[in-house]
Amino acid sequence: MRLDDPWDEESAAGWDEAEGAAVDGAPGPGEPEPRPGAAEIYLEVHRSEAFREVRRRYRRFVAPAALAFLLWYLAYVVAATTAPALMARPVVGAVNVAMVAGLGQFLTAFLLTWAYARHARLRRDRAALDLRWDTQELTRGAARQATGGRGR
């Protein structure tokens, strides 16, 4: 197990303290300054403005799109249960309004999938990738410091 694993359980404050180490978490005499671990790095990134902007862009697209699709689906279900005569009305030959609306559900799902992928590619992927690279560089630097400058 890696020592800088953020999911590793930390010992309670004051327990398992090495001799000469301060109990409050500050370095003891002659000890180097503590280095940020992966957990601190990820929390710092999570609090960053760039991360909040990526999340904001995600929510600005997903919330309205999901709401619109849910309303469209509920309208289809309500119309099918409350207005069977309307849904049975023929459009072309044996194709009725219910069939057209049902196929419209599939078409809408595919269009929303395409729109989501396009939005992610144009509005979020570059910023998210930059955050990922920054985070990896920070964690690599912390790992190098923890191992005394040696590579993994």
C-alpha atoms as a PDB file:
ATOM      1  CA  MET A   1       0.000   0.000   0.000  1.00  0.00           C
ATOM      2  CA  ARG A   2       1.267   3.446  -0.850  1.00  0.00           C
ATOM      3  CA  LEU A   3       1.952   5.659   2.126  1.00  0.00           C
ATOM      4  CA  ASP A   4       0.448   8.745   0.463  1.00  0.00           C
ATOM      5  CA  ASP A   5      -2.830   6.957  -0.316  1.00  0.00           C
ATOM      6  CA  PRO A   6      -5.651   9.430   0.534  1.00  0.00           C
ATOM      7  CA  TRP A   7      -8.006   6.554   1.330  1.00  0.00           C
ATOM      8  CA  ASP A   8      -5.627   5.044   3.852  1.00  0.00           C
ATOM      9  CA  GLU A   9      -6.933   5.528   7.361  1.00  0.00           C
ATOM     10  CA  GLU A  10      -4.995   8.150   9.224  1.00  0.00           C
ATOM     11  CA  SER A  11      -4.131   7.530  12.839  1.00  0.00           C
ATOM     12  CA  ALA A  12      -5.898   9.730  15.356  1.00  0.00           C
ATOM     13  CA  ALA A  13      -4.067  12.877  16.418  1.00  0.00           C
ATOM     14  CA  GLY A  14      -1.495  12.089  19.075  1.00  0.00           C
ATOM     15  CA  TRP A  15      -1.561   8.308  18.507  1.00  0.00           C
ATOM     16  CA  ASP A  16       1.383   6.507  16.967  1.00  0.00           C
ATOM     17  CA  GLU A  17       3.507   9.634  17.311  1.00  0.00           C
ATOM     18  CA  ALA A  18       7.206   9.164  16.835  1.00  0.00           C
ATOM     19  CA  GLU A  19       9.496  10.389  19.559  1.00  0.00           C
ATOM     20  CA  GLY A  20      10.552  13.981  19.056  1.00  0.00           C
ATOM     21  CA  ALA A  21       7.562  14.775  16.862  1.00  0.00           C
ATOM     22  CA  ALA A  22       5.200  17.422  18.018  1.00  0.00           C
ATOM     23  CA  VAL A  23       1.774  16.234  19.057  1.00  0.00           C
ATOM     24  CA  ASP A  24      -0.057  19.029  17.219  1.00  0.00           C
ATOM     25  CA  GLY A  25       1.204  17.850  13.819  1.00  0.00           C
ATOM     26  CA  ALA A  26       3.977  20.437  13.515  1.00  0.00           C
ATOM     27  CA  PRO A  27       7.414  19.072  12.713  1.00  0.00           C
ATOM     28  CA  GLY A  28       9.644  18.311  15.663  1.00  0.00           C
ATOM     29  CA  PRO A  29      13.142  19.647  16.092  1.00  0.00           C
ATOM     30  CA  GLY A  30      15.372  18.699  13.191  1.00  0.00           C
ATOM     31  CA  GLU A  31      12.477  17.300  11.119  1.00  0.00           C
ATOM     32  CA  PRO A  32      11.698  18.601   7.620  1.00  0.00           C
ATOM     33  CA  GLU A  33       8.527  20.527   6.924  1.00  0.00           C
ATOM     34  CA  PRO A  34       5.595  18.203   6.147  1.00  0.00           C
ATOM     35  CA  ARG A  35       4.861  17.804   2.428  1.00  0.00           C
ATOM     36  CA  PRO A  36       1.342  17.909   1.065  1.00  0.00           C
ATOM     37  CA  GLY A  37      -0.007  14.439   0.450  1.00  0.00           C
ATOM     38  CA  ALA A  38      -2.290  13.367  -2.356  1.00  0.00           C
ATOM     39  CA  ALA A  39      -5.383  14.093  -0.256  1.00  0.00           C
ATOM     40  CA  GLU A  40      -4.341  17.698   0.331  1.00  0.00           C
ATOM     41  CA  ILE A  41      -3.474  18.130  -3.332  1.00  0.00           C
ATOM     42  CA  TYR A  42      -6.855  16.832  -4.470  1.00  0.00           C
ATOM     43  CA  LEU A  43      -8.662  19.008  -1.925  1.00  0.00           C
ATOM     44  CA  GLU A  44      -6.714  22.021  -3.196  1.00  0.00           C
ATOM     45  CA  VAL A  45      -7.695  21.207  -6.783  1.00  0.00           C
ATOM     46  CA  HIS A  46     -11.298  20.649  -5.712  1.00  0.00           C
ATOM     47  CA  ARG A  47     -11.352  24.135  -4.175  1.00  0.00           C
ATOM     48  CA  SER A  48      -9.729  25.766  -7.210  1.00  0.00           C
ATOM     49  CA  GLU A  49     -11.564  28.165  -9.490  1.00  0.00           C
ATOM     50  CA  ALA A  50     -10.685  26.072 -12.562  1.00  0.00           C
ATOM     51  CA  PHE A  51     -12.367  22.993 -11.067  1.00  0.00           C
ATOM     52  CA  ARG A  52     -15.447  25.012 -10.104  1.00  0.00           C
ATOM     53  CA  GLU A  53     -15.639  26.362 -13.658  1.00  0.00           C
ATOM     54  CA  VAL A  54     -15.542  22.855 -15.154  1.00  0.00           C
ATOM     55  CA  ARG A  55     -18.298  21.776 -12.773  1.00  0.00           C
ATOM     56  CA  ARG A  56     -20.324  24.920 -13.573  1.00  0.00           C
ATOM     57  CA  ARG A  57     -20.107  24.252 -17.315  1.00  0.00           C
ATOM     58  CA  TYR A  58     -21.154  20.639 -16.737  1.00  0.00           C
ATOM     59  CA  ARG A  59     -24.186  21.625 -14.646  1.00  0.00           C
ATOM     60  CA  ARG A  60     -25.220  24.370 -17.090  1.00  0.00           C
ATOM     61  CA  PHE A  61     -25.620  21.779 -19.819  1.00  0.00           C
ATOM     62  CA  VAL A  62     -26.753  18.674 -17.949  1.00  0.00           C
ATOM     63  CA  ALA A  63     -29.449  20.151 -15.692  1.00  0.00           C
ATOM     64  CA  PRO A  64     -31.539  21.795 -18.456  1.00  0.00           C
ATOM     65  CA  ALA A  65     -31.002  18.901 -20.874  1.00  0.00           C
ATOM     66  CA  ALA A  66     -32.045  16.308 -18.295  1.00  0.00           C
ATOM     67  CA  LEU A  67     -35.065  18.382 -17.269  1.00  0.00           C
ATOM     68  CA  ALA A  68     -36.138  18.881 -20.891  1.00  0.00           C
ATOM     69  CA  PHE A  69     -35.809  15.179 -21.677  1.00  0.00           C
ATOM     70  CA  LEU A  70     -37.673  14.189 -18.507  1.00  0.00           C
ATOM     71  CA  LEU A  71     -40.536  16.583 -19.324  1.00  0.00           C
ATOM     72  CA  TRP A  72     -40.660  15.302 -22.914  1.00  0.00           C
ATOM     73  CA  TYR A  73     -40.791  11.701 -21.666  1.00  0.00           C
ATOM     74  CA  LEU A  74     -43.473  12.488 -19.069  1.00  0.00           C
ATOM     75  CA  ALA A  75     -45.535  14.316 -21.711  1.00  0.00           C
ATOM     76  CA  TYR A  76     -45.362  11.192 -23.871  1.00  0.00           C
ATOM     77  CA  VAL A  77     -46.448   8.920 -21.006  1.00  0.00           C
ATOM     78  CA  VAL A  78     -49.240  11.273 -19.864  1.00  0.00           C
ATOM     79  CA  ALA A  79     -50.519  11.683 -23.419  1.00  0.00           C
ATOM     80  CA  ALA A  80     -50.472   7.905 -23.920  1.00  0.00           C
ATOM     81  CA  THR A  81     -52.508   7.305 -20.756  1.00  0.00           C
ATOM     82  CA  THR A  82     -54.885  10.284 -20.802  1.00  0.00           C
ATOM     83  CA  ALA A  83     -55.420  10.869 -24.522  1.00  0.00           C
ATOM     84  CA  PRO A  84     -55.503   7.472 -26.230  1.00  0.00           C
ATOM     85  CA  ALA A  85     -57.626   8.863 -29.077  1.00  0.00           C
ATOM     86  CA  LEU A  86     -54.984  11.474 -29.864  1.00  0.00           C
ATOM     87  CA  MET A  87     -52.183   8.910 -29.751  1.00  0.00           C
ATOM     88  CA  ALA A  88     -54.146   6.514 -31.995  1.00  0.00           C
ATOM     89  CA  ARG A  89     -54.705   9.152 -34.687  1.00  0.00           C
ATOM     90  CA  PRO A  90     -53.046   7.970 -37.923  1.00  0.00           C
ATOM     91  CA  VAL A  91     -50.260  10.095 -39.378  1.00  0.00           C
ATOM     92  CA  VAL A  92     -49.254   8.130 -42.483  1.00  0.00           C
ATOM     93  CA  GLY A  93     -50.823   4.771 -43.236  1.00  0.00           C
ATOM     94  CA  ALA A  94     -50.508   2.496 -40.194  1.00  0.00           C
ATOM     95  CA  VAL A  95     -48.137   4.906 -38.418  1.00  0.00           C
ATOM     96  CA  ASN A  96     -49.936   6.802 -35.668  1.00  0.00           C
ATOM     97  CA  VAL A  97     -49.034   9.705 -33.350  1.00  0.00           C
ATOM     98  CA  ALA A  98     -47.874   7.313 -30.592  1.00  0.00           C
ATOM     99  CA  MET A  99     -45.382   5.650 -32.927  1.00  0.00           C
ATOM    100  CA  VAL A 100     -44.022   8.992 -34.117  1.00  0.00           C
ATOM    101  CA  ALA A 101     -43.707  10.243 -30.521  1.00  0.00           C
ATOM    102  CA  GLY A 102     -42.069   6.957 -29.417  1.00  0.00           C
ATOM    103  CA  LEU A 103     -39.522   7.182 -32.234  1.00  0.00           C
ATOM    104  CA  GLY A 104     -39.058  10.815 -31.257  1.00  0.00           C
ATOM    105  CA  GLN A 105     -37.987   9.598 -27.799  1.00  0.00           C
ATOM    106  CA  PHE A 106     -35.201   7.542 -29.367  1.00  0.00           C
ATOM    107  CA  LEU A 107     -34.199  10.380 -31.665  1.00  0.00           C
ATOM    108  CA  THR A 108     -34.132  12.792 -28.735  1.00  0.00           C
ATOM    109  CA  ALA A 109     -31.927  10.418 -26.715  1.00  0.00           C
ATOM    110  CA  PHE A 110     -29.434  10.147 -29.591  1.00  0.00           C
ATOM    111  CA  LEU A 111     -29.462  13.909 -30.186  1.00  0.00           C
ATOM    112  CA  LEU A 112     -28.878  14.628 -26.510  1.00  0.00           C
ATOM    113  CA  THR A 113     -26.011  12.132 -26.435  1.00  0.00           C
ATOM    114  CA  TRP A 114     -24.435  13.832 -29.444  1.00  0.00           C
ATOM    115  CA  ALA A 115     -25.004  17.299 -27.944  1.00  0.00           C
ATOM    116  CA  TYR A 116     -23.500  16.205 -24.605  1.00  0.00           C
ATOM    117  CA  ALA A 117     -20.393  14.772 -26.282  1.00  0.00           C
ATOM    118  CA  ARG A 118     -19.992  17.917 -28.389  1.00  0.00           C
ATOM    119  CA  HIS A 119     -20.471  20.198 -25.393  1.00  0.00           C
ATOM    120  CA  ALA A 120     -17.942  18.197 -23.376  1.00  0.00           C
ATOM    121  CA  ARG A 121     -15.423  18.272 -26.209  1.00  0.00           C
ATOM    122  CA  LEU A 122     -15.778  22.008 -26.867  1.00  0.00           C
ATOM    123  CA  ARG A 123     -16.414  23.408 -23.377  1.00  0.00           C
ATOM    124  CA  ARG A 124     -14.986  21.080 -20.718  1.00  0.00           C
ATOM    125  CA  ASP A 125     -12.457  18.539 -21.960  1.00  0.00           C
ATOM    126  CA  ARG A 126      -9.518  20.935 -22.390  1.00  0.00           C
ATOM    127  CA  ALA A 127     -10.009  22.524 -18.955  1.00  0.00           C
ATOM    128  CA  ALA A 128     -10.518  19.125 -17.311  1.00  0.00           C
ATOM    129  CA  LEU A 129      -7.412  17.746 -19.009  1.00  0.00           C
ATOM    130  CA  ASP A 130      -5.379  20.742 -17.832  1.00  0.00           C
ATOM    131  CA  LEU A 131      -6.609  20.123 -14.278  1.00  0.00           C
ATOM    132  CA  ARG A 132      -5.723  16.458 -14.585  1.00  0.00           C
ATOM    133  CA  TRP A 133      -2.173  17.231 -15.761  1.00  0.00           C
ATOM    134  CA  ASP A 134      -1.679  19.803 -13.005  1.00  0.00           C
ATOM    135  CA  THR A 135      -2.935  17.347 -10.395  1.00  0.00           C
ATOM    136  CA  GLN A 136      -0.710  14.556 -11.666  1.00  0.00           C
ATOM    137  CA  GLU A 137       2.321  16.842 -11.661  1.00  0.00           C
ATOM    138  CA  LEU A 138       1.582  17.944  -8.097  1.00  0.00           C
ATOM    139  CA  THR A 139       1.117  14.360  -6.870  1.00  0.00           C
ATOM    140  CA  ARG A 140       4.252  13.232  -8.731  1.00  0.00           C
ATOM    141  CA  GLY A 141       6.191  16.057  -7.099  1.00  0.00           C
ATOM    142  CA  ALA A 142       4.851  15.121  -3.664  1.00  0.00           C
ATOM    143  CA  ALA A 143       5.737  11.464  -4.291  1.00  0.00           C
ATOM    144  CA  ARG A 144       9.270  12.437  -5.376  1.00  0.00           C
ATOM    145  CA  GLN A 145       9.710  14.533  -2.241  1.00  0.00           C
ATOM    146  CA  ALA A 146       8.414  11.686  -0.085  1.00  0.00           C
ATOM    147  CA  THR A 147      10.915   9.252  -1.619  1.00  0.00           C
ATOM    148  CA  GLY A 148      13.769  11.699  -1.341  1.00  0.00           C
ATOM    149  CA  GLY A 149      13.913  12.635  -5.031  1.00  0.00           C
ATOM    150  CA  ARG A 150      14.101   9.061  -6.334  1.00  0.00           C
ATOM    151  CA  GLY A 151      11.721   7.992  -9.109  1.00  0.00           C
ATOM    152  CA  ARG A 152       9.135   5.336  -8.528  1.00  0.00           C
END
